[in-house]
Amino acid sequence: MKRALLLVMLLLAGIATRVSAQGLQKMQQRQKAAIQSAFKKKQVTPKEYYKLQEEQKVIRKAMERAKADDYLSPKEQNDIYGKLQRAEKRLRKYKTNREVY
């Protein structure tokens, strides 16, 4: 009984964490806006801003490649989601690195 319950919980957790293609696009758009906002507020240096923009280009190209066949496989979704998570983490790091501009 416990095993069955655990299995059901794991399956539901897996379904809940799955991200759709539209969700990925929204995440990227929010990141783009956050990067631009941080640069305008002088929270990131021009060099950091350039790095973040390049990273966004890589993510955008990965999304275009994944959508080329009109099917976004779970592996492709996970790869893009990982890239978005790393970009988010890097932006947080750059915004709080206490550099003086």
C-alpha atoms as a PDB file:
ATOM      1  CA  MET A   1       0.000   0.000   0.000  1.00  0.00           C
ATOM      2  CA  LYS A   2       2.788   2.397   0.922  1.00  0.00           C
ATOM      3  CA  ARG A   3       4.630   1.627  -2.296  1.00  0.00           C
ATOM      4  CA  ALA A   4       1.561   2.312  -4.401  1.00  0.00           C
ATOM      5  CA  LEU A   5       0.952   5.593  -2.601  1.00  0.00           C
ATOM      6  CA  LEU A   6       4.598   6.585  -3.034  1.00  0.00           C
ATOM      7  CA  LEU A   7       4.461   5.697  -6.736  1.00  0.00           C
ATOM      8  CA  VAL A   8       1.325   7.794  -7.258  1.00  0.00           C
ATOM      9  CA  MET A   9       2.884  10.747  -5.430  1.00  0.00           C
ATOM     10  CA  LEU A  10       6.045  10.539  -7.548  1.00  0.00           C
ATOM     11  CA  LEU A  11       4.018  10.422 -10.755  1.00  0.00           C
ATOM     12  CA  LEU A  12       1.966  13.434  -9.719  1.00  0.00           C
ATOM     13  CA  ALA A  13       5.120  15.340  -8.782  1.00  0.00           C
ATOM     14  CA  GLY A  14       6.590  14.579 -12.209  1.00  0.00           C
ATOM     15  CA  ILE A  15       3.485  15.812 -13.971  1.00  0.00           C
ATOM     16  CA  ALA A  16       3.366  18.965 -11.869  1.00  0.00           C
ATOM     17  CA  THR A  17       6.962  19.947 -12.682  1.00  0.00           C
ATOM     18  CA  ARG A  18       6.598  19.527 -16.434  1.00  0.00           C
ATOM     19  CA  VAL A  19       6.797  22.847 -18.278  1.00  0.00           C
ATOM     20  CA  SER A  20       4.976  23.605 -21.525  1.00  0.00           C
ATOM     21  CA  ALA A  21       6.455  25.383 -24.519  1.00  0.00           C
ATOM     22  CA  GLN A  22       4.395  28.480 -23.768  1.00  0.00           C
ATOM     23  CA  GLY A  23       5.643  28.426 -20.194  1.00  0.00           C
ATOM     24  CA  LEU A  24       9.225  28.362 -21.450  1.00  0.00           C
ATOM     25  CA  GLN A  25       8.577  31.337 -23.728  1.00  0.00           C
ATOM     26  CA  LYS A  26       7.021  33.295 -20.884  1.00  0.00           C
ATOM     27  CA  MET A  27       9.994  32.512 -18.651  1.00  0.00           C
ATOM     28  CA  GLN A  28      12.388  33.757 -21.303  1.00  0.00           C
ATOM     29  CA  GLN A  29      10.387  36.940 -21.868  1.00  0.00           C
ATOM     30  CA  ARG A  30      10.370  37.642 -18.124  1.00  0.00           C
ATOM     31  CA  GLN A  31      14.122  37.069 -17.984  1.00  0.00           C
ATOM     32  CA  LYS A  32      14.676  39.413 -20.901  1.00  0.00           C
ATOM     33  CA  ALA A  33      12.664  42.131 -19.173  1.00  0.00           C
ATOM     34  CA  ALA A  34      14.487  41.528 -15.876  1.00  0.00           C
ATOM     35  CA  ILE A  35      17.885  41.788 -17.579  1.00  0.00           C
ATOM     36  CA  GLN A  36      16.952  45.042 -19.295  1.00  0.00           C
ATOM     37  CA  SER A  37      15.549  46.439 -16.048  1.00  0.00           C
ATOM     38  CA  ALA A  38      18.669  45.488 -14.074  1.00  0.00           C
ATOM     39  CA  PHE A  39      20.880  47.161 -16.676  1.00  0.00           C
ATOM     40  CA  LYS A  40      18.822  50.354 -16.624  1.00  0.00           C
ATOM     41  CA  LYS A  41      18.967  50.428 -12.836  1.00  0.00           C
ATOM     42  CA  LYS A  42      22.761  49.952 -12.965  1.00  0.00           C
ATOM     43  CA  GLN A  43      22.550  46.636 -11.100  1.00  0.00           C
ATOM     44  CA  VAL A  44      24.717  44.867 -13.685  1.00  0.00           C
ATOM     45  CA  THR A  45      27.797  46.065 -15.535  1.00  0.00           C
ATOM     46  CA  PRO A  46      27.848  46.427 -19.331  1.00  0.00           C
ATOM     47  CA  LYS A  47      30.071  43.334 -19.544  1.00  0.00           C
ATOM     48  CA  GLU A  48      27.631  41.294 -17.449  1.00  0.00           C
ATOM     49  CA  TYR A  49      24.754  42.629 -19.514  1.00  0.00           C
ATOM     50  CA  TYR A  50      26.497  41.486 -22.704  1.00  0.00           C
ATOM     51  CA  LYS A  51      27.061  38.015 -21.237  1.00  0.00           C
ATOM     52  CA  LEU A  52      23.418  37.746 -20.208  1.00  0.00           C
ATOM     53  CA  GLN A  53      22.270  38.850 -23.666  1.00  0.00           C
ATOM     54  CA  GLU A  54      24.488  36.249 -25.318  1.00  0.00           C
ATOM     55  CA  GLU A  55      23.075  33.600 -23.024  1.00  0.00           C
ATOM     56  CA  GLN A  56      19.549  34.647 -24.024  1.00  0.00           C
ATOM     57  CA  LYS A  57      20.517  34.272 -27.701  1.00  0.00           C
ATOM     58  CA  VAL A  58      21.706  30.724 -27.027  1.00  0.00           C
ATOM     59  CA  ILE A  59      18.430  29.915 -25.272  1.00  0.00           C
ATOM     60  CA  ARG A  60      16.403  31.441 -28.106  1.00  0.00           C
ATOM     61  CA  LYS A  61      18.311  29.376 -30.696  1.00  0.00           C
ATOM     62  CA  ALA A  62      17.797  26.211 -28.639  1.00  0.00           C
ATOM     63  CA  MET A  63      14.060  26.924 -28.525  1.00  0.00           C
ATOM     64  CA  GLU A  64      13.937  27.492 -32.284  1.00  0.00           C
ATOM     65  CA  ARG A  65      15.847  24.262 -32.939  1.00  0.00           C
ATOM     66  CA  ALA A  66      13.539  22.335 -30.637  1.00  0.00           C
ATOM     67  CA  LYS A  67      10.412  23.739 -32.323  1.00  0.00           C
ATOM     68  CA  ALA A  68      11.706  23.086 -35.854  1.00  0.00           C
ATOM     69  CA  ASP A  69       9.852  19.775 -36.039  1.00  0.00           C
ATOM     70  CA  ASP A  70       6.719  21.160 -34.331  1.00  0.00           C
ATOM     71  CA  TYR A  71       7.236  18.767 -31.425  1.00  0.00           C
ATOM     72  CA  LEU A  72       8.903  19.652 -28.160  1.00  0.00           C
ATOM     73  CA  SER A  73      10.066  16.422 -26.545  1.00  0.00           C
ATOM     74  CA  PRO A  74      10.434  16.142 -22.780  1.00  0.00           C
ATOM     75  CA  LYS A  75      14.233  16.033 -23.159  1.00  0.00           C
ATOM     76  CA  GLU A  76      14.203  19.250 -25.177  1.00  0.00           C
ATOM     77  CA  GLN A  77      11.918  20.855 -22.614  1.00  0.00           C
ATOM     78  CA  ASN A  78      14.220  19.848 -19.789  1.00  0.00           C
ATOM     79  CA  ASP A  79      17.298  21.113 -21.624  1.00  0.00           C
ATOM     80  CA  ILE A  80      15.731  24.505 -22.284  1.00  0.00           C
ATOM     81  CA  TYR A  81      14.337  24.701 -18.758  1.00  0.00           C
ATOM     82  CA  GLY A  82      17.829  23.994 -17.384  1.00  0.00           C
ATOM     83  CA  LYS A  83      19.293  26.766 -19.525  1.00  0.00           C
ATOM     84  CA  LEU A  84      16.630  29.177 -18.275  1.00  0.00           C
ATOM     85  CA  GLN A  85      17.304  28.199 -14.662  1.00  0.00           C
ATOM     86  CA  ARG A  86      21.060  28.758 -15.078  1.00  0.00           C
ATOM     87  CA  ALA A  87      20.405  32.141 -16.692  1.00  0.00           C
ATOM     88  CA  GLU A  88      18.126  33.113 -13.807  1.00  0.00           C
ATOM     89  CA  LYS A  89      20.755  32.060 -11.281  1.00  0.00           C
ATOM     90  CA  ARG A  90      23.461  34.012 -13.118  1.00  0.00           C
ATOM     91  CA  LEU A  91      21.296  37.147 -13.219  1.00  0.00           C
ATOM     92  CA  ARG A  92      20.680  36.898  -9.464  1.00  0.00           C
ATOM     93  CA  LYS A  93      24.414  36.475  -8.900  1.00  0.00           C
ATOM     94  CA  TYR A  94      25.301  39.479 -11.052  1.00  0.00           C
ATOM     95  CA  LYS A  95      22.689  41.677  -9.385  1.00  0.00           C
ATOM     96  CA  THR A  96      24.029  40.947  -5.903  1.00  0.00           C
ATOM     97  CA  ASN A  97      27.781  40.846  -6.453  1.00  0.00           C
ATOM     98  CA  ARG A  98      28.304  44.219  -4.730  1.00  0.00           C
ATOM     99  CA  GLU A  99      30.305  45.777  -7.538  1.00  0.00           C
ATOM    100  CA  VAL A 100      30.389  49.556  -7.677  1.00  0.00           C
ATOM    101  CA  TYR A 101      29.397  51.061 -11.034  1.00  0.00           C
END
